[in-house]
Amino acid sequence: MQLSIIIPTLNEAGQLPRLLDALIPHTYTYDEIIVVDAQSTDKTQNIAKKHPINLIISNKACRAHQMNLGAQHASGDVYYFVHADVRPPATFRQDIEQSLKLGSDAGCYRFQFDLNSPMLKFNAWWTRFNFMFCRGGDQTLFVQQSVFQELDGFDEKYIIMEDFDFIRRLRRAYKFCIMPKSVLVSARKYAKNSYLKVNLVNLWSYWTFMLGKDPQKIRAFYKRNLRF
């Protein structure tokens, strides 16, 4: 297995060093890490250039576009999409390879937050179940290159909820698994907003997506109601 790790970024200078330090020691020489940066105004690009990775500049600040762009430059037979504020377990490579051997075409991890909160532990507990509402890009996503190409990648009209759309399409024809380990996710969104508000906004965004509402309107609502 040759693994292409694709990381979309926008002003992630505070998070990217820890992620790269967590990934690089556990990749093989023939793997690759691709950071696709949407013209950050902080030191994200400088940080990326100091590591043995490929840096690509995107002219759009849109995760779907950035991840598709990274895939276009990837040479691996398996893609692994990781957000900058997530820390996969050190065994991520072995976990993905084992999942593929068991017949999965794609999959993700459960998650836990980097903040010790009973309410956030409750949220994280749900990610062990294979329900659509329990998914999200923060859980990371691996997918075989051939499957990604057959699905035409991420639909770039989804300027939000792109991960839900991709997984929904994928699960109709391919085997999707939840790996029985957890990534560590930043709780920074909850730190800047209330627990109740974040969950209500997430719930509204999910159900309006499932009902086929305009992604532009979903994103506008999301941005209007949460601080980042």
C-alpha atoms as a PDB file:
ATOM      1  CA  MET A   1       0.000   0.000   0.000  1.00  0.00           C
ATOM      2  CA  GLN A   2       1.260   3.441  -0.937  1.00  0.00           C
ATOM      3  CA  LEU A   3      -0.475   6.055   1.185  1.00  0.00           C
ATOM      4  CA  SER A   4      -1.117   9.659   0.138  1.00  0.00           C
ATOM      5  CA  ILE A   5      -2.037  11.788   3.151  1.00  0.00           C
ATOM      6  CA  ILE A   6      -3.892  14.926   2.060  1.00  0.00           C
ATOM      7  CA  ILE A   7      -4.300  17.851   4.490  1.00  0.00           C
ATOM      8  CA  PRO A   8      -6.366  20.944   3.557  1.00  0.00           C
ATOM      9  CA  THR A   9      -5.287  24.051   5.473  1.00  0.00           C
ATOM     10  CA  LEU A  10      -6.223  27.685   5.996  1.00  0.00           C
ATOM     11  CA  ASN A  11      -4.376  29.594   8.730  1.00  0.00           C
ATOM     12  CA  GLU A  12      -3.444  26.468  10.685  1.00  0.00           C
ATOM     13  CA  ALA A  13      -0.001  27.526  11.911  1.00  0.00           C
ATOM     14  CA  GLY A  14      -0.993  26.640  15.461  1.00  0.00           C
ATOM     15  CA  GLN A  15      -2.109  23.107  14.595  1.00  0.00           C
ATOM     16  CA  LEU A  16      -0.090  21.951  11.586  1.00  0.00           C
ATOM     17  CA  PRO A  17       3.298  21.380  13.322  1.00  0.00           C
ATOM     18  CA  ARG A  18       1.789  18.930  15.810  1.00  0.00           C
ATOM     19  CA  LEU A  19      -0.049  17.061  13.071  1.00  0.00           C
ATOM     20  CA  LEU A  20       3.022  16.713  10.851  1.00  0.00           C
ATOM     21  CA  ASP A  21       5.142  15.615  13.811  1.00  0.00           C
ATOM     22  CA  ALA A  22       2.511  12.960  14.536  1.00  0.00           C
ATOM     23  CA  LEU A  23       2.336  11.717  10.932  1.00  0.00           C
ATOM     24  CA  ILE A  24       5.861  11.811   9.514  1.00  0.00           C
ATOM     25  CA  PRO A  25       7.517   9.251  11.865  1.00  0.00           C
ATOM     26  CA  HIS A  26       4.845   6.679  11.011  1.00  0.00           C
ATOM     27  CA  THR A  27       4.920   6.897   7.211  1.00  0.00           C
ATOM     28  CA  TYR A  28       7.100   4.850   4.880  1.00  0.00           C
ATOM     29  CA  THR A  29       9.589   6.361   2.454  1.00  0.00           C
ATOM     30  CA  TYR A  30       7.270   5.684  -0.508  1.00  0.00           C
ATOM     31  CA  ASP A  31       4.272   7.341   1.174  1.00  0.00           C
ATOM     32  CA  GLU A  32       3.599  11.043   0.724  1.00  0.00           C
ATOM     33  CA  ILE A  33       2.083  13.903   2.683  1.00  0.00           C
ATOM     34  CA  ILE A  34       0.403  16.671   0.701  1.00  0.00           C
ATOM     35  CA  VAL A  35      -0.623  19.951   2.335  1.00  0.00           C
ATOM     36  CA  VAL A  36      -3.071  21.941   0.208  1.00  0.00           C
ATOM     37  CA  ASP A  37      -3.125  25.471   1.540  1.00  0.00           C
ATOM     38  CA  ALA A  38      -5.757  28.062   0.632  1.00  0.00           C
ATOM     39  CA  GLN A  39      -3.358  31.053   0.676  1.00  0.00           C
ATOM     40  CA  SER A  40      -3.036  31.322   4.445  1.00  0.00           C
ATOM     41  CA  THR A  41      -2.079  34.706   5.872  1.00  0.00           C
ATOM     42  CA  ASP A  42      -0.259  33.209   8.867  1.00  0.00           C
ATOM     43  CA  LYS A  43       2.875  30.983   8.877  1.00  0.00           C
ATOM     44  CA  THR A  44       1.143  27.803   7.675  1.00  0.00           C
ATOM     45  CA  GLN A  45       3.056  27.672   4.392  1.00  0.00           C
ATOM     46  CA  ASN A  46       6.417  28.404   6.066  1.00  0.00           C
ATOM     47  CA  ILE A  47       5.793  25.571   8.514  1.00  0.00           C
ATOM     48  CA  ALA A  48       4.881  23.170   5.717  1.00  0.00           C
ATOM     49  CA  LYS A  49       8.059  24.038   3.790  1.00  0.00           C
ATOM     50  CA  LYS A  50      10.194  23.052   6.789  1.00  0.00           C
ATOM     51  CA  HIS A  51       8.927  19.471   6.628  1.00  0.00           C
ATOM     52  CA  PRO A  52       9.510  16.712   4.029  1.00  0.00           C
ATOM     53  CA  ILE A  53       6.081  17.112   2.454  1.00  0.00           C
ATOM     54  CA  ASN A  54       4.533  18.448  -0.751  1.00  0.00           C
ATOM     55  CA  LEU A  55       2.941  21.886  -0.510  1.00  0.00           C
ATOM     56  CA  ILE A  56       0.274  22.872  -3.024  1.00  0.00           C
ATOM     57  CA  ILE A  57      -1.365  26.294  -3.139  1.00  0.00           C
ATOM     58  CA  SER A  58      -5.099  26.425  -3.795  1.00  0.00           C
ATOM     59  CA  ASN A  59      -6.825  29.501  -5.193  1.00  0.00           C
ATOM     60  CA  LYS A  60     -10.019  28.528  -3.352  1.00  0.00           C
ATOM     61  CA  ALA A  61     -10.640  28.328   0.388  1.00  0.00           C
ATOM     62  CA  CYS A  62     -12.929  25.318   0.010  1.00  0.00           C
ATOM     63  CA  ARG A  63     -12.068  21.976   1.582  1.00  0.00           C
ATOM     64  CA  ALA A  64     -13.751  19.961  -1.195  1.00  0.00           C
ATOM     65  CA  HIS A  65     -11.694  21.785  -3.829  1.00  0.00           C
ATOM     66  CA  GLN A  66      -8.499  21.553  -1.776  1.00  0.00           C
ATOM     67  CA  MET A  67      -8.858  17.826  -1.172  1.00  0.00           C
ATOM     68  CA  ASN A  68      -9.645  17.177  -4.841  1.00  0.00           C
ATOM     69  CA  LEU A  69      -6.591  19.222  -5.793  1.00  0.00           C
ATOM     70  CA  GLY A  70      -4.457  17.191  -3.413  1.00  0.00           C
ATOM     71  CA  ALA A  71      -5.801  13.963  -4.925  1.00  0.00           C
ATOM     72  CA  GLN A  72      -4.915  15.208  -8.413  1.00  0.00           C
ATOM     73  CA  HIS A  73      -1.293  15.482  -7.308  1.00  0.00           C
ATOM     74  CA  ALA A  74      -1.280  12.234  -5.298  1.00  0.00           C
ATOM     75  CA  SER A  75       0.486   9.077  -6.463  1.00  0.00           C
ATOM     76  CA  GLY A  76      -0.713   6.651  -3.771  1.00  0.00           C
ATOM     77  CA  ASP A  77      -3.224   3.856  -4.254  1.00  0.00           C
ATOM     78  CA  VAL A  78      -4.923   4.891  -0.996  1.00  0.00           C
ATOM     79  CA  TYR A  79      -5.827   8.465  -0.026  1.00  0.00           C
ATOM     80  CA  TYR A  80      -6.052   9.524   3.615  1.00  0.00           C
ATOM     81  CA  PHE A  81      -7.747  12.895   4.226  1.00  0.00           C
ATOM     82  CA  VAL A  82      -6.858  14.535   7.545  1.00  0.00           C
ATOM     83  CA  HIS A  83      -7.890  17.908   8.989  1.00  0.00           C
ATOM     84  CA  ALA A  84      -5.108  20.008  10.486  1.00  0.00           C
ATOM     85  CA  ASP A  85      -6.559  20.043  14.012  1.00  0.00           C
ATOM     86  CA  VAL A  86      -6.770  16.243  14.281  1.00  0.00           C
ATOM     87  CA  ARG A  87      -4.195  13.755  15.618  1.00  0.00           C
ATOM     88  CA  PRO A  88      -4.520  10.203  14.252  1.00  0.00           C
ATOM     89  CA  PRO A  89      -3.231   7.291  16.353  1.00  0.00           C
ATOM     90  CA  ALA A  90       0.351   6.271  15.689  1.00  0.00           C
ATOM     91  CA  THR A  91      -0.933   3.033  14.169  1.00  0.00           C
ATOM     92  CA  PHE A  92      -2.949   4.789  11.443  1.00  0.00           C
ATOM     93  CA  ARG A  93      -1.037   3.125   8.621  1.00  0.00           C
ATOM     94  CA  GLN A  94      -1.425  -0.390   9.983  1.00  0.00           C
ATOM     95  CA  ASP A  95      -5.088   0.277  10.825  1.00  0.00           C
ATOM     96  CA  ILE A  96      -5.872   1.360   7.271  1.00  0.00           C
ATOM     97  CA  GLU A  97      -3.987  -1.568   5.759  1.00  0.00           C
ATOM     98  CA  GLN A  98      -5.805  -4.025   8.023  1.00  0.00           C
ATOM     99  CA  SER A  99      -9.188  -2.510   7.107  1.00  0.00           C
ATOM    100  CA  LEU A 100      -8.388  -2.915   3.421  1.00  0.00           C
ATOM    101  CA  LYS A 101      -7.366  -6.539   3.946  1.00  0.00           C
ATOM    102  CA  LEU A 102     -10.733  -7.151   5.610  1.00  0.00           C
ATOM    103  CA  GLY A 103     -12.489  -5.912   2.495  1.00  0.00           C
ATOM    104  CA  SER A 104     -13.247  -2.266   3.239  1.00  0.00           C
ATOM    105  CA  ASP A 105     -13.052   0.257   0.412  1.00  0.00           C
ATOM    106  CA  ALA A 106     -13.005   3.270   2.719  1.00  0.00           C
ATOM    107  CA  GLY A 107     -13.389   4.160   6.361  1.00  0.00           C
ATOM    108  CA  CYS A 108     -12.741   6.472   9.256  1.00  0.00           C
ATOM    109  CA  TYR A 109     -11.949   6.455  12.973  1.00  0.00           C
ATOM    110  CA  ARG A 110     -14.054   7.254  15.976  1.00  0.00           C
ATOM    111  CA  PHE A 111     -12.948  10.427  17.735  1.00  0.00           C
ATOM    112  CA  GLN A 112     -12.367  11.884  21.153  1.00  0.00           C
ATOM    113  CA  PHE A 113     -11.802  15.517  22.082  1.00  0.00           C
ATOM    114  CA  ASP A 114      -8.655  17.034  23.559  1.00  0.00           C
ATOM    115  CA  LEU A 115     -10.759  18.506  26.385  1.00  0.00           C
ATOM    116  CA  ASN A 116     -11.846  16.423  29.373  1.00  0.00           C
ATOM    117  CA  SER A 117     -15.563  17.155  29.396  1.00  0.00           C
ATOM    118  CA  PRO A 118     -18.393  14.686  30.136  1.00  0.00           C
ATOM    119  CA  MET A 119     -20.586  16.331  27.500  1.00  0.00           C
ATOM    120  CA  LEU A 120     -17.898  16.099  24.818  1.00  0.00           C
ATOM    121  CA  LYS A 121     -17.253  12.479  25.808  1.00  0.00           C
ATOM    122  CA  PHE A 122     -20.949  11.858  25.194  1.00  0.00           C
ATOM    123  CA  ASN A 123     -20.667  13.370  21.710  1.00  0.00           C
ATOM    124  CA  ALA A 124     -17.570  11.300  20.980  1.00  0.00           C
ATOM    125  CA  TRP A 125     -19.218   8.069  22.168  1.00  0.00           C
ATOM    126  CA  TRP A 126     -21.677   8.207  19.268  1.00  0.00           C
ATOM    127  CA  THR A 127     -18.900   8.079  16.662  1.00  0.00           C
ATOM    128  CA  ARG A 128     -18.472   4.320  17.189  1.00  0.00           C
ATOM    129  CA  PHE A 129     -21.774   3.752  15.361  1.00  0.00           C
ATOM    130  CA  ASN A 130     -22.099   3.518  11.596  1.00  0.00           C
ATOM    131  CA  PHE A 131     -24.866   6.122  11.251  1.00  0.00           C
ATOM    132  CA  MET A 132     -24.607   9.055   8.849  1.00  0.00           C
ATOM    133  CA  PHE A 133     -25.269  11.657  11.547  1.00  0.00           C
ATOM    134  CA  CYS A 134     -22.257  10.296  13.477  1.00  0.00           C
ATOM    135  CA  ARG A 135     -19.829  11.018  10.638  1.00  0.00           C
ATOM    136  CA  GLY A 136     -17.703  14.049   9.804  1.00  0.00           C
ATOM    137  CA  GLY A 137     -14.346  15.066   8.407  1.00  0.00           C
ATOM    138  CA  ASP A 138     -12.799  15.327  11.857  1.00  0.00           C
ATOM    139  CA  GLN A 139     -12.759  11.525  12.024  1.00  0.00           C
ATOM    140  CA  THR A 140     -10.328  11.464   9.059  1.00  0.00           C
ATOM    141  CA  LEU A 141     -11.160   9.427   5.959  1.00  0.00           C
ATOM    142  CA  PHE A 142      -9.253   6.821   3.991  1.00  0.00           C
ATOM    143  CA  VAL A 143     -10.432   5.672   0.577  1.00  0.00           C
ATOM    144  CA  GLN A 144      -8.953   3.591  -2.206  1.00  0.00           C
ATOM    145  CA  GLN A 145      -7.758   5.720  -5.101  1.00  0.00           C
ATOM    146  CA  SER A 146      -9.866   3.769  -7.596  1.00  0.00           C
ATOM    147  CA  VAL A 147     -13.023   4.280  -5.530  1.00  0.00           C
ATOM    148  CA  PHE A 148     -12.317   7.992  -5.134  1.00  0.00           C
ATOM    149  CA  GLN A 149     -11.948   8.340  -8.895  1.00  0.00           C
ATOM    150  CA  GLU A 150     -15.105   6.338  -9.626  1.00  0.00           C
ATOM    151  CA  LEU A 151     -17.050   8.682  -7.327  1.00  0.00           C
ATOM    152  CA  ASP A 152     -15.495  11.748  -9.027  1.00  0.00           C
ATOM    153  CA  GLY A 153     -14.031  12.868  -5.710  1.00  0.00           C
ATOM    154  CA  PHE A 154     -15.668  15.478  -3.514  1.00  0.00           C
ATOM    155  CA  ASP A 155     -18.538  17.468  -4.984  1.00  0.00           C
ATOM    156  CA  GLU A 156     -17.249  21.043  -4.937  1.00  0.00           C
ATOM    157  CA  LYS A 157     -20.700  22.567  -4.774  1.00  0.00           C
ATOM    158  CA  TYR A 158     -20.616  21.467  -1.120  1.00  0.00           C
ATOM    159  CA  ILE A 159     -18.657  24.329   0.378  1.00  0.00           C
ATOM    160  CA  ILE A 160     -19.738  22.771   3.662  1.00  0.00           C
ATOM    161  CA  MET A 161     -20.839  19.183   4.466  1.00  0.00           C
ATOM    162  CA  GLU A 162     -18.601  17.869   1.667  1.00  0.00           C
ATOM    163  CA  ASP A 163     -17.528  14.919   3.820  1.00  0.00           C
ATOM    164  CA  PHE A 164     -21.140  13.888   4.514  1.00  0.00           C
ATOM    165  CA  ASP A 165     -21.983  14.059   0.812  1.00  0.00           C
ATOM    166  CA  PHE A 166     -18.964  11.963  -0.165  1.00  0.00           C
ATOM    167  CA  ILE A 167     -19.587   9.285   2.480  1.00  0.00           C
ATOM    168  CA  ARG A 168     -23.288   9.128   1.624  1.00  0.00           C
ATOM    169  CA  ARG A 169     -22.485   8.473  -2.036  1.00  0.00           C
ATOM    170  CA  LEU A 170     -19.714   6.041  -1.176  1.00  0.00           C
ATOM    171  CA  ARG A 171     -21.826   3.890   1.142  1.00  0.00           C
ATOM    172  CA  ARG A 172     -24.380   3.208  -1.594  1.00  0.00           C
ATOM    173  CA  ALA A 173     -21.945   1.029  -3.549  1.00  0.00           C
ATOM    174  CA  TYR A 174     -18.864   0.360  -1.430  1.00  0.00           C
ATOM    175  CA  LYS A 175     -17.926  -1.072   1.947  1.00  0.00           C
ATOM    176  CA  PHE A 176     -17.325   1.608   4.581  1.00  0.00           C
ATOM    177  CA  CYS A 177     -15.897   0.798   8.028  1.00  0.00           C
ATOM    178  CA  ILE A 178     -15.398   2.521  11.386  1.00  0.00           C
ATOM    179  CA  MET A 179     -11.963   1.608  12.719  1.00  0.00           C
ATOM    180  CA  PRO A 180     -12.116   0.723  16.456  1.00  0.00           C
ATOM    181  CA  LYS A 181      -9.678   3.430  17.595  1.00  0.00           C
ATOM    182  CA  SER A 182     -10.004   7.182  18.046  1.00  0.00           C
ATOM    183  CA  VAL A 183      -8.376  10.247  16.584  1.00  0.00           C
ATOM    184  CA  LEU A 184      -7.859  13.207  18.907  1.00  0.00           C
ATOM    185  CA  VAL A 185      -9.872  16.237  17.806  1.00  0.00           C
ATOM    186  CA  SER A 186      -9.434  19.850  18.885  1.00  0.00           C
ATOM    187  CA  ALA A 187     -12.304  21.185  20.998  1.00  0.00           C
ATOM    188  CA  ARG A 188     -11.504  24.782  19.994  1.00  0.00           C
ATOM    189  CA  LYS A 189     -14.952  25.308  18.458  1.00  0.00           C
ATOM    190  CA  TYR A 190     -16.577  24.425  21.782  1.00  0.00           C
ATOM    191  CA  ALA A 191     -14.131  26.651  23.653  1.00  0.00           C
ATOM    192  CA  LYS A 192     -15.202  29.660  21.573  1.00  0.00           C
ATOM    193  CA  ASN A 193     -18.923  28.865  21.623  1.00  0.00           C
ATOM    194  CA  SER A 194     -21.224  27.133  24.061  1.00  0.00           C
ATOM    195  CA  TYR A 195     -21.710  23.360  23.977  1.00  0.00           C
ATOM    196  CA  LEU A 196     -25.431  23.787  23.331  1.00  0.00           C
ATOM    197  CA  LYS A 197     -24.941  26.298  20.526  1.00  0.00           C
ATOM    198  CA  VAL A 198     -22.400  24.192  18.649  1.00  0.00           C
ATOM    199  CA  ASN A 199     -24.607  21.120  18.847  1.00  0.00           C
ATOM    200  CA  LEU A 200     -27.717  22.979  17.725  1.00  0.00           C
ATOM    201  CA  VAL A 201     -25.892  24.531  14.763  1.00  0.00           C
ATOM    202  CA  ASN A 202     -24.401  21.144  13.830  1.00  0.00           C
ATOM    203  CA  LEU A 203     -27.794  19.479  14.064  1.00  0.00           C
ATOM    204  CA  TRP A 204     -29.467  22.156  11.938  1.00  0.00           C
ATOM    205  CA  SER A 205     -26.671  21.930   9.355  1.00  0.00           C
ATOM    206  CA  TYR A 206     -26.920  18.148   9.137  1.00  0.00           C
ATOM    207  CA  TRP A 207     -30.668  17.986   8.680  1.00  0.00           C
ATOM    208  CA  THR A 208     -30.814  20.836   6.179  1.00  0.00           C
ATOM    209  CA  PHE A 209     -28.090  19.028   4.220  1.00  0.00           C
ATOM    210  CA  MET A 210     -30.079  15.782   4.324  1.00  0.00           C
ATOM    211  CA  LEU A 211     -33.139  17.679   3.107  1.00  0.00           C
ATOM    212  CA  GLY A 212     -31.204  18.958   0.105  1.00  0.00           C
ATOM    213  CA  LYS A 213     -30.897  22.630   1.045  1.00  0.00           C
ATOM    214  CA  ASP A 214     -28.480  24.982  -0.715  1.00  0.00           C
ATOM    215  CA  PRO A 215     -24.915  24.525   0.667  1.00  0.00           C
ATOM    216  CA  GLN A 216     -24.383  28.297   0.372  1.00  0.00           C
ATOM    217  CA  LYS A 217     -27.256  28.895   2.798  1.00  0.00           C
ATOM    218  CA  ILE A 218     -26.061  26.178   5.173  1.00  0.00           C
ATOM    219  CA  ARG A 219     -22.583  27.671   5.264  1.00  0.00           C
ATOM    220  CA  ALA A 220     -23.898  31.204   5.769  1.00  0.00           C
ATOM    221  CA  PHE A 221     -25.973  30.030   8.735  1.00  0.00           C
ATOM    222  CA  TYR A 222     -22.998  28.097  10.136  1.00  0.00           C
ATOM    223  CA  LYS A 223     -20.618  31.051   9.852  1.00  0.00           C
ATOM    224  CA  ARG A 224     -23.170  33.514  11.190  1.00  0.00           C
ATOM    225  CA  ASN A 225     -23.885  31.553  14.339  1.00  0.00           C
ATOM    226  CA  LEU A 226     -20.471  30.276  15.409  1.00  0.00           C
ATOM    227  CA  ARG A 227     -17.204  31.990  16.275  1.00  0.00           C
ATOM    228  CA  PHE A 228     -13.989  30.552  14.851  1.00  0.00           C
END
